[in-house]
Amino acid sequence: MGYLCVFTLVRALKAAAESRAEGAEDQLRRCKTQLDETSRQNQELSGVKARLSQENFELQRQVQELDAGNAALAKARSQLQAQLDDAKARLDDETRVRLGLHCCRWPVLRVR
């Protein structure tokens, strides 16, 4: 009867070990599935990151072009303002000469 108890005990231990092995295999399958899903998400996010980096580069290039355009417009505006001021001054001088006031230094009021 001692061998029968040992045999039963061994069979019970074997069944418990097989059950734990199946549980471990199930857990391993779940972990592999999660790993595959996480890897897919990582690849997807890497693609999004690359696309956003390219868009950011393009937007920065456009900002630089716009800044350069703004600088050119500001320079042109400044030059045009200087030309306008010169033209107004010449016109004021011509007006004084025509009115015979060139001998007087009365300030001319400018309306802007």
N, C-alpha and C. Protein backbone atom coordinates (compact mmCIF):
# COMPACT_ATOMS: atom_id res chain seq x y z
N MET A 1 0.81 -1.17 0.00
CA MET A 1 0.00 0.00 0.00
C MET A 1 0.86 1.25 0.00
N GLY A 2 2.08 1.23 0.38
CA GLY A 2 2.99 2.37 0.40
C GLY A 2 3.32 2.84 -0.99
N TYR A 3 3.45 1.85 -1.92
CA TYR A 3 3.76 2.23 -3.29
C TYR A 3 2.58 2.94 -3.94
N LEU A 4 1.40 2.52 -3.60
CA LEU A 4 0.19 3.11 -4.13
C LEU A 4 0.06 4.57 -3.69
N CYS A 5 0.37 4.86 -2.45
CA CYS A 5 0.33 6.25 -1.93
C CYS A 5 1.37 7.11 -2.62
N VAL A 6 2.55 6.55 -2.82
CA VAL A 6 3.61 7.30 -3.49
C VAL A 6 3.21 7.55 -4.94
N PHE A 7 2.64 6.54 -5.60
CA PHE A 7 2.22 6.67 -6.98
C PHE A 7 1.12 7.74 -7.11
N THR A 8 0.18 7.71 -6.19
CA THR A 8 -0.90 8.69 -6.19
C THR A 8 -0.34 10.09 -5.94
N LEU A 9 0.59 10.17 -5.03
CA LEU A 9 1.22 11.46 -4.72
C LEU A 9 1.98 11.99 -5.93
N VAL A 10 2.72 11.13 -6.61
CA VAL A 10 3.48 11.53 -7.79
C VAL A 10 2.52 11.99 -8.89
N ARG A 11 1.41 11.24 -9.08
CA ARG A 11 0.42 11.61 -10.09
C ARG A 11 -0.19 12.98 -9.75
N ALA A 12 -0.46 13.24 -8.50
CA ALA A 12 -1.04 14.51 -8.09
C ALA A 12 -0.04 15.65 -8.29
N LEU A 13 1.21 15.38 -7.96
CA LEU A 13 2.25 16.40 -8.17
C LEU A 13 2.44 16.70 -9.65
N LYS A 14 2.38 15.63 -10.47
CA LYS A 14 2.54 15.79 -11.91
C LYS A 14 1.38 16.61 -12.47
N ALA A 15 0.17 16.32 -12.03
CA ALA A 15 -1.01 17.06 -12.49
C ALA A 15 -0.92 18.53 -12.08
N ALA A 16 -0.45 18.78 -10.86
CA ALA A 16 -0.30 20.16 -10.40
C ALA A 16 0.77 20.89 -11.21
N ALA A 17 1.86 20.21 -11.51
CA ALA A 17 2.95 20.81 -12.30
C ALA A 17 2.47 21.11 -13.71
N GLU A 18 1.70 20.17 -14.31
CA GLU A 18 1.18 20.39 -15.66
C GLU A 18 0.20 21.57 -15.67
N SER A 19 -0.61 21.68 -14.64
CA SER A 19 -1.55 22.78 -14.53
C SER A 19 -0.81 24.11 -14.43
N ARG A 20 0.23 24.15 -13.62
CA ARG A 20 1.03 25.37 -13.50
C ARG A 20 1.74 25.69 -14.80
N ALA A 21 2.22 24.66 -15.52
CA ALA A 21 2.88 24.86 -16.80
C ALA A 21 1.90 25.45 -17.82
N GLU A 22 0.66 24.93 -17.83
CA GLU A 22 -0.35 25.47 -18.74
C GLU A 22 -0.66 26.93 -18.40
N GLY A 23 -0.76 27.21 -17.12
CA GLY A 23 -1.00 28.59 -16.69
C GLY A 23 0.14 29.50 -17.12
N ALA A 24 1.36 29.00 -16.98
CA ALA A 24 2.53 29.80 -17.38
C ALA A 24 2.54 30.00 -18.89
N GLU A 25 2.16 28.95 -19.66
CA GLU A 25 2.09 29.09 -21.12
C GLU A 25 1.02 30.09 -21.53
N ASP A 26 -0.13 30.06 -20.85
CA ASP A 26 -1.19 31.04 -21.13
C ASP A 26 -0.69 32.45 -20.83
N GLN A 27 -0.03 32.61 -19.73
CA GLN A 27 0.51 33.93 -19.36
C GLN A 27 1.55 34.37 -20.39
N LEU A 28 2.38 33.43 -20.84
CA LEU A 28 3.39 33.74 -21.85
C LEU A 28 2.73 34.18 -23.15
N ARG A 29 1.65 33.50 -23.57
CA ARG A 29 0.92 33.90 -24.79
C ARG A 29 0.34 35.31 -24.64
N ARG A 30 -0.23 35.59 -23.48
CA ARG A 30 -0.78 36.93 -23.25
C ARG A 30 0.33 37.99 -23.31
N CYS A 31 1.46 37.67 -22.71
CA CYS A 31 2.59 38.62 -22.72
C CYS A 31 3.09 38.84 -24.14
N LYS A 32 3.17 37.77 -24.94
CA LYS A 32 3.61 37.91 -26.34
C LYS A 32 2.62 38.76 -27.13
N THR A 33 1.32 38.56 -26.87
CA THR A 33 0.30 39.36 -27.55
C THR A 33 0.44 40.82 -27.17
N GLN A 34 0.63 41.08 -25.89
CA GLN A 34 0.81 42.47 -25.43
C GLN A 34 2.07 43.07 -26.04
N LEU A 35 3.14 42.28 -26.11
CA LEU A 35 4.39 42.76 -26.70
C LEU A 35 4.19 43.09 -28.17
N ASP A 36 3.48 42.23 -28.90
CA ASP A 36 3.22 42.50 -30.32
C ASP A 36 2.40 43.79 -30.48
N GLU A 37 1.39 43.95 -29.65
CA GLU A 37 0.55 45.16 -29.72
C GLU A 37 1.37 46.40 -29.38
N THR A 38 2.19 46.31 -28.36
CA THR A 38 3.03 47.44 -27.97
C THR A 38 4.04 47.77 -29.06
N SER A 39 4.60 46.74 -29.70
CA SER A 39 5.55 46.97 -30.80
C SER A 39 4.85 47.65 -31.98
N ARG A 40 3.63 47.22 -32.29
CA ARG A 40 2.87 47.83 -33.37
C ARG A 40 2.58 49.30 -33.07
N GLN A 41 2.17 49.57 -31.83
CA GLN A 41 1.90 50.96 -31.43
C GLN A 41 3.17 51.80 -31.50
N ASN A 42 4.29 51.21 -31.09
CA ASN A 42 5.56 51.92 -31.13
C ASN A 42 5.93 52.28 -32.57
N GLN A 43 5.75 51.33 -33.50
CA GLN A 43 6.04 51.61 -34.90
C GLN A 43 5.11 52.69 -35.44
N GLU A 44 3.86 52.61 -35.07
CA GLU A 44 2.87 53.61 -35.51
C GLU A 44 3.25 55.00 -34.99
N LEU A 45 3.62 55.07 -33.72
CA LEU A 45 4.00 56.36 -33.13
C LEU A 45 5.31 56.88 -33.72
N SER A 46 6.20 55.98 -34.07
CA SER A 46 7.45 56.41 -34.73
C SER A 46 7.14 57.05 -36.08
N GLY A 47 6.18 56.47 -36.80
CA GLY A 47 5.76 57.06 -38.08
C GLY A 47 5.14 58.43 -37.88
N VAL A 48 4.30 58.55 -36.86
CA VAL A 48 3.67 59.84 -36.56
C VAL A 48 4.74 60.86 -36.19
N LYS A 49 5.71 60.43 -35.39
CA LYS A 49 6.79 61.34 -34.97
C LYS A 49 7.58 61.82 -36.19
N ALA A 50 7.89 60.90 -37.11
CA ALA A 50 8.64 61.28 -38.31
C ALA A 50 7.84 62.27 -39.15
N ARG A 51 6.53 62.03 -39.30
CA ARG A 51 5.67 62.92 -40.08
C ARG A 51 5.61 64.30 -39.42
N LEU A 52 5.45 64.34 -38.09
CA LEU A 52 5.38 65.61 -37.38
C LEU A 52 6.71 66.36 -37.45
N SER A 53 7.81 65.62 -37.39
CA SER A 53 9.12 66.27 -37.51
C SER A 53 9.28 66.91 -38.88
N GLN A 54 8.83 66.22 -39.92
CA GLN A 54 8.90 66.78 -41.28
C GLN A 54 8.01 68.01 -41.40
N GLU A 55 6.81 67.93 -40.85
CA GLU A 55 5.90 69.09 -40.89
C GLU A 55 6.50 70.27 -40.13
N ASN A 56 7.11 69.99 -38.97
CA ASN A 56 7.73 71.04 -38.17
C ASN A 56 8.87 71.70 -38.96
N PHE A 57 9.67 70.90 -39.63
CA PHE A 57 10.77 71.42 -40.44
C PHE A 57 10.22 72.34 -41.53
N GLU A 58 9.16 71.89 -42.21
CA GLU A 58 8.57 72.68 -43.28
C GLU A 58 7.99 73.99 -42.74
N LEU A 59 7.32 73.92 -41.60
CA LEU A 59 6.75 75.13 -41.00
C LEU A 59 7.84 76.11 -40.57
N GLN A 60 8.93 75.60 -40.03
CA GLN A 60 10.03 76.48 -39.64
C GLN A 60 10.64 77.15 -40.87
N ARG A 61 10.74 76.40 -41.98
CA ARG A 61 11.25 76.97 -43.22
C ARG A 61 10.33 78.10 -43.70
N GLN A 62 9.02 77.87 -43.62
CA GLN A 62 8.06 78.88 -44.03
C GLN A 62 8.15 80.12 -43.13
N VAL A 63 8.34 79.90 -41.84
CA VAL A 63 8.48 81.04 -40.91
C VAL A 63 9.72 81.85 -41.28
N GLN A 64 10.81 81.17 -41.59
CA GLN A 64 12.03 81.89 -41.98
C GLN A 64 11.81 82.70 -43.26
N GLU A 65 11.09 82.11 -44.22
CA GLU A 65 10.79 82.84 -45.46
C GLU A 65 9.92 84.06 -45.16
N LEU A 66 8.92 83.88 -44.30
CA LEU A 66 8.05 85.00 -43.95
C LEU A 66 8.82 86.09 -43.20
N ASP A 67 9.71 85.68 -42.30
CA ASP A 67 10.53 86.66 -41.59
C ASP A 67 11.40 87.46 -42.56
N ALA A 68 11.98 86.74 -43.52
CA ALA A 68 12.81 87.43 -44.52
C ALA A 68 11.95 88.40 -45.34
N GLY A 69 10.75 87.96 -45.70
CA GLY A 69 9.84 88.84 -46.44
C GLY A 69 9.46 90.06 -45.62
N ASN A 70 9.18 89.85 -44.33
CA ASN A 70 8.84 90.98 -43.45
C ASN A 70 10.00 91.96 -43.35
N ALA A 71 11.20 91.44 -43.24
CA ALA A 71 12.37 92.31 -43.14
C ALA A 71 12.53 93.12 -44.43
N ALA A 72 12.32 92.47 -45.57
CA ALA A 72 12.44 93.18 -46.85
C ALA A 72 11.36 94.25 -46.96
N LEU A 73 10.14 93.93 -46.53
CA LEU A 73 9.06 94.93 -46.56
C LEU A 73 9.34 96.09 -45.62
N ALA A 74 9.88 95.81 -44.45
CA ALA A 74 10.21 96.87 -43.50
C ALA A 74 11.28 97.79 -44.08
N LYS A 75 12.26 97.19 -44.74
CA LYS A 75 13.32 97.99 -45.36
C LYS A 75 12.75 98.85 -46.48
N ALA A 76 11.91 98.25 -47.31
CA ALA A 76 11.30 99.00 -48.41
C ALA A 76 10.41 100.12 -47.86
N ARG A 77 9.67 99.83 -46.81
CA ARG A 77 8.82 100.86 -46.20
C ARG A 77 9.67 102.02 -45.68
N SER A 78 10.76 101.68 -45.02
CA SER A 78 11.65 102.72 -44.50
C SER A 78 12.21 103.58 -45.63
N GLN A 79 12.62 102.92 -46.72
CA GLN A 79 13.15 103.67 -47.85
C GLN A 79 12.07 104.56 -48.48
N LEU A 80 10.86 104.01 -48.61
CA LEU A 80 9.77 104.80 -49.18
C LEU A 80 9.41 105.97 -48.28
N GLN A 81 9.44 105.75 -46.96
CA GLN A 81 9.14 106.84 -46.03
C GLN A 81 10.19 107.94 -46.15
N ALA A 82 11.45 107.54 -46.30
CA ALA A 82 12.52 108.54 -46.47
C ALA A 82 12.32 109.31 -47.77
N GLN A 83 11.96 108.60 -48.84
CA GLN A 83 11.70 109.27 -50.12
C GLN A 83 10.52 110.23 -50.00
N LEU A 84 9.48 109.80 -49.30
CA LEU A 84 8.31 110.66 -49.11
C LEU A 84 8.68 111.90 -48.31
N ASP A 85 9.45 111.72 -47.24
CA ASP A 85 9.88 112.87 -46.44
C ASP A 85 10.71 113.83 -47.28
N ASP A 86 11.61 113.30 -48.12
CA ASP A 86 12.41 114.15 -49.01
C ASP A 86 11.52 114.89 -49.99
N ALA A 87 10.54 114.19 -50.56
CA ALA A 87 9.64 114.82 -51.52
C ALA A 87 8.83 115.91 -50.85
N LYS A 88 8.35 115.69 -49.64
CA LYS A 88 7.60 116.71 -48.91
C LYS A 88 8.47 117.93 -48.62
N ALA A 89 9.71 117.66 -48.23
CA ALA A 89 10.62 118.77 -47.94
C ALA A 89 10.88 119.59 -49.20
N ARG A 90 11.10 118.93 -50.33
CA ARG A 90 11.30 119.64 -51.60
C ARG A 90 10.07 120.44 -51.99
N LEU A 91 8.91 119.82 -51.80
CA LEU A 91 7.66 120.50 -52.11
C LEU A 91 7.48 121.73 -51.23
N ASP A 92 7.80 121.60 -49.94
CA ASP A 92 7.72 122.74 -49.03
C ASP A 92 8.67 123.85 -49.48
N ASP A 93 9.88 123.47 -49.87
CA ASP A 93 10.85 124.46 -50.35
C ASP A 93 10.35 125.15 -51.61
N GLU A 94 9.82 124.36 -52.54
CA GLU A 94 9.30 124.95 -53.78
C GLU A 94 8.12 125.87 -53.49
N THR A 95 7.27 125.48 -52.57
CA THR A 95 6.13 126.31 -52.21
C THR A 95 6.60 127.64 -51.63
N ARG A 96 7.59 127.60 -50.74
CA ARG A 96 8.13 128.85 -50.17
C ARG A 96 8.70 129.74 -51.26
N VAL A 97 9.44 129.13 -52.18
CA VAL A 97 10.05 129.91 -53.26
C VAL A 97 8.96 130.54 -54.11
N ARG A 98 7.94 129.79 -54.44
CA ARG A 98 6.86 130.32 -55.29
C ARG A 98 6.09 131.44 -54.58
N LEU A 99 5.96 131.32 -53.30
CA LEU A 99 5.24 132.35 -52.55
C LEU A 99 6.13 133.52 -52.16
N GLY A 100 7.39 133.41 -52.50
CA GLY A 100 8.31 134.49 -52.18
C GLY A 100 8.67 134.52 -50.71
N LEU A 101 8.57 133.42 -50.05
CA LEU A 101 8.88 133.37 -48.62
C LEU A 101 10.24 132.75 -48.34
N HIS A 102 11.02 132.60 -49.34
CA HIS A 102 12.29 131.92 -49.13
C HIS A 102 13.22 132.71 -48.22
N CYS A 103 12.95 134.00 -48.05
CA CYS A 103 13.79 134.78 -47.16
C CYS A 103 13.36 134.59 -45.70
N CYS A 104 12.18 134.15 -45.49
CA CYS A 104 11.69 133.94 -44.12
C CYS A 104 11.83 132.48 -43.74
N ARG A 105 12.06 132.27 -42.50
CA ARG A 105 12.22 130.89 -42.03
C ARG A 105 11.04 130.50 -41.15
N TRP A 106 9.85 130.71 -41.64
CA TRP A 106 8.69 130.32 -40.87
C TRP A 106 8.52 128.81 -40.94
N PRO A 107 8.22 128.22 -39.83
CA PRO A 107 8.02 126.76 -39.89
C PRO A 107 6.74 126.43 -40.64
N VAL A 108 6.85 125.42 -41.45
CA VAL A 108 5.70 124.97 -42.22
C VAL A 108 5.09 123.80 -41.49
N LEU A 109 3.81 123.91 -41.21
CA LEU A 109 3.13 122.81 -40.52
C LEU A 109 2.78 121.74 -41.52
N ARG A 110 3.13 120.56 -41.17
CA ARG A 110 2.83 119.42 -42.05
C ARG A 110 1.68 118.64 -41.45
N VAL A 111 0.78 118.30 -42.29
CA VAL A 111 -0.36 117.49 -41.85
C VAL A 111 -0.11 116.06 -42.32
N ARG A 112 -0.23 115.19 -41.38
CA ARG A 112 0.02 113.78 -41.75
C ARG A 112 -1.25 113.00 -41.66
